[in-house]
N, C-alpha and C. Protein backbone atom coordinates (compact mmCIF):
# COMPACT_ATOMS: atom_id res chain seq x y z
N UNK A 1 121.89 88.24 111.02
CA UNK A 1 121.41 87.36 112.27
C UNK A 1 120.17 87.70 112.84
N UNK A 2 119.58 89.11 112.63
CA UNK A 2 118.18 89.37 113.23
C UNK A 2 117.26 88.61 112.38
N UNK A 3 117.47 88.39 110.97
CA UNK A 3 116.41 87.69 110.22
C UNK A 3 116.51 86.12 110.66
N UNK A 4 117.62 85.77 110.94
CA UNK A 4 117.66 84.26 111.52
C UNK A 4 116.93 84.17 112.78
N UNK A 5 117.24 84.91 113.67
CA UNK A 5 116.66 84.75 115.06
C UNK A 5 114.97 85.31 115.12
N UNK A 6 114.68 86.37 114.28
CA UNK A 6 113.28 86.69 114.32
C UNK A 6 112.45 86.20 113.47
N UNK A 7 112.93 85.85 112.33
CA UNK A 7 112.10 85.28 111.29
C UNK A 7 112.10 84.10 111.07
N UNK A 8 113.38 83.60 110.46
CA UNK A 8 113.60 82.34 110.06
C UNK A 8 113.22 81.10 111.08
N UNK A 9 113.95 81.49 112.23
CA UNK A 9 114.00 80.31 113.30
C UNK A 9 113.13 80.94 114.44
N UNK A 10 112.68 82.11 114.42
CA UNK A 10 111.91 82.85 115.64
C UNK A 10 110.54 82.08 115.61
N UNK A 11 109.89 81.52 114.77
CA UNK A 11 108.69 80.83 114.65
C UNK A 11 108.75 79.68 114.08
N UNK A 12 107.61 78.79 114.54
CA UNK A 12 107.40 77.42 113.96
C UNK A 12 106.50 77.40 112.84
N UNK A 13 106.96 77.13 111.63
CA UNK A 13 106.41 77.02 110.31
C UNK A 13 106.04 75.54 109.90
N UNK A 14 105.07 75.40 109.23
CA UNK A 14 104.63 74.06 108.85
C UNK A 14 105.61 73.61 107.78
N UNK A 15 105.88 74.58 106.90
CA UNK A 15 106.82 74.27 105.44
C UNK A 15 107.53 75.46 105.31
N UNK A 16 108.35 75.34 104.13
CA UNK A 16 109.26 76.37 103.60
C UNK A 16 108.37 77.49 102.97
N UNK A 17 107.13 77.23 102.27
CA UNK A 17 106.38 78.09 101.79
C UNK A 17 105.65 78.97 102.86
N UNK A 18 105.44 78.40 103.87
CA UNK A 18 104.71 79.28 104.86
C UNK A 18 105.89 80.17 105.42
N UNK A 19 107.11 79.75 105.69
CA UNK A 19 108.15 80.74 106.02
C UNK A 19 108.39 81.67 104.99
N UNK A 20 108.28 81.47 103.83
CA UNK A 20 108.61 82.43 102.59
C UNK A 20 107.40 83.42 102.73
N UNK A 21 106.15 82.97 103.03
CA UNK A 21 105.13 83.88 103.03
C UNK A 21 105.25 84.78 104.37
N UNK A 22 105.69 84.47 105.23
CA UNK A 22 105.75 85.39 106.24
C UNK A 22 107.12 86.32 106.31
N UNK A 23 108.02 86.26 105.26
CA UNK A 23 108.99 87.18 105.10
C UNK A 23 108.59 88.37 104.88
N UNK A 24 107.84 88.83 103.95
CA UNK A 24 107.10 90.10 103.69
C UNK A 24 106.71 90.90 104.91
N UNK A 25 105.97 90.31 105.66
CA UNK A 25 105.38 90.82 107.00
C UNK A 25 106.57 91.18 108.02
N UNK A 26 107.58 90.24 108.03
CA UNK A 26 108.70 90.54 108.98
C UNK A 26 109.51 91.53 108.34
N UNK A 27 109.84 91.53 107.12
CA UNK A 27 110.57 92.78 106.85
C UNK A 27 109.84 94.15 106.73
N UNK A 28 108.64 94.23 106.76
CA UNK A 28 107.88 95.51 106.80
C UNK A 28 108.13 95.75 108.45
N UNK A 29 107.84 94.87 109.33
CA UNK A 29 108.15 95.16 110.85
C UNK A 29 109.41 95.73 111.05
N UNK A 30 110.36 94.92 110.46
CA UNK A 30 111.82 95.22 110.69
C UNK A 30 112.26 96.59 110.37
N UNK A 31 111.79 96.95 109.13
CA UNK A 31 112.01 98.27 108.56
C UNK A 31 111.28 99.50 109.19
N UNK A 32 109.97 99.35 109.40
CA UNK A 32 108.98 100.25 109.66
C UNK A 32 108.83 100.46 111.26
N UNK A 33 108.81 99.39 111.94
CA UNK A 33 108.36 99.51 113.29
C UNK A 33 109.28 98.94 114.40
N UNK A 34 110.36 98.33 114.08
CA UNK A 34 111.14 97.50 115.03
C UNK A 34 112.25 98.62 115.36
N UNK A 35 112.38 99.01 116.82
CA UNK A 35 113.29 99.84 117.07
C UNK A 35 114.87 99.18 116.75
N UNK A 36 115.95 99.96 116.47
CA UNK A 36 117.19 99.47 116.11
C UNK A 36 118.21 100.30 117.11
N UNK A 37 118.76 99.55 117.97
CA UNK A 37 119.92 100.03 118.92
C UNK A 37 120.71 101.02 118.34
N UNK A 38 121.20 100.47 117.30
CA UNK A 38 122.35 101.11 116.63
C UNK A 38 122.02 102.39 115.90
N UNK A 39 120.93 102.86 115.77
CA UNK A 39 120.44 103.91 115.26
C UNK A 39 119.42 104.88 116.36
N UNK A 40 119.64 104.73 117.54
CA UNK A 40 118.80 105.38 118.46
C UNK A 40 117.53 104.93 118.81
N UNK A 41 117.40 103.52 118.79
CA UNK A 41 116.13 103.00 118.98
C UNK A 41 114.96 103.46 118.19
N UNK A 42 115.20 103.69 116.94
CA UNK A 42 114.22 103.92 115.87
C UNK A 42 114.38 103.12 114.77
N UNK A 43 112.99 102.80 114.10
CA UNK A 43 113.14 102.14 112.88
C UNK A 43 113.91 102.67 111.85
N UNK A 44 114.56 101.78 110.97
CA UNK A 44 115.34 102.58 109.86
C UNK A 44 114.51 103.43 108.96
N UNK A 45 113.06 103.14 108.71
CA UNK A 45 112.54 104.14 107.72
C UNK A 45 112.45 105.55 108.32
N UNK A 46 112.39 105.65 109.61
CA UNK A 46 112.28 107.02 110.39
C UNK A 46 113.62 107.89 109.96
N UNK A 47 114.67 107.27 109.40
CA UNK A 47 115.94 107.96 109.21
C UNK A 47 115.83 108.56 107.92
N UNK A 48 114.91 108.09 107.07
CA UNK A 48 114.84 108.74 105.66
C UNK A 48 114.29 109.98 105.63
N UNK A 49 114.69 111.13 104.84
CA UNK A 49 113.96 112.49 104.78
C UNK A 49 112.80 112.24 104.29
N UNK A 50 111.90 113.17 104.75
CA UNK A 50 110.32 113.30 104.30
C UNK A 50 110.30 114.19 103.26
N UNK A 51 110.01 113.63 102.19
CA UNK A 51 109.95 114.35 100.84
C UNK A 51 108.68 114.63 100.34
N UNK A 52 108.11 115.39 99.70
CA UNK A 52 107.02 115.53 99.09
C UNK A 52 106.62 114.59 98.11
N UNK A 53 105.54 113.92 97.85
CA UNK A 53 105.29 113.09 96.73
C UNK A 53 106.21 111.83 96.86
N UNK A 54 106.62 111.41 98.15
CA UNK A 54 107.42 110.20 98.18
C UNK A 54 106.58 109.06 98.66
N UNK A 55 106.36 107.76 97.86
CA UNK A 55 105.55 106.79 98.28
C UNK A 55 105.85 106.43 99.73
N UNK A 56 107.19 106.47 100.20
CA UNK A 56 107.34 106.01 101.45
C UNK A 56 106.38 106.93 102.56
N UNK A 57 106.20 107.92 102.14
CA UNK A 57 105.49 108.64 103.40
C UNK A 57 104.00 108.21 103.51
N UNK A 58 103.38 107.41 102.39
CA UNK A 58 102.05 106.91 102.54
C UNK A 58 102.03 105.79 103.48
N UNK A 59 102.93 105.35 104.24
CA UNK A 59 102.86 104.37 105.00
C UNK A 59 101.85 104.72 106.36
N UNK A 60 100.89 103.82 106.79
CA UNK A 60 100.25 104.03 107.65
C UNK A 60 100.42 103.11 109.07
């Protein structure tokens, strides 16, 4: 439902291709930056353990 509200129908797109192109950016925001109420108002990626040589820790 979050995807429908915040990505698919949350913005006005000119066409389906424009909506598709916006998906990657929205997924990044959703997983890395958007606070989630169900997990203590933190983004999902903050819940992963920080491991050495993990590409996920390279996020800026």
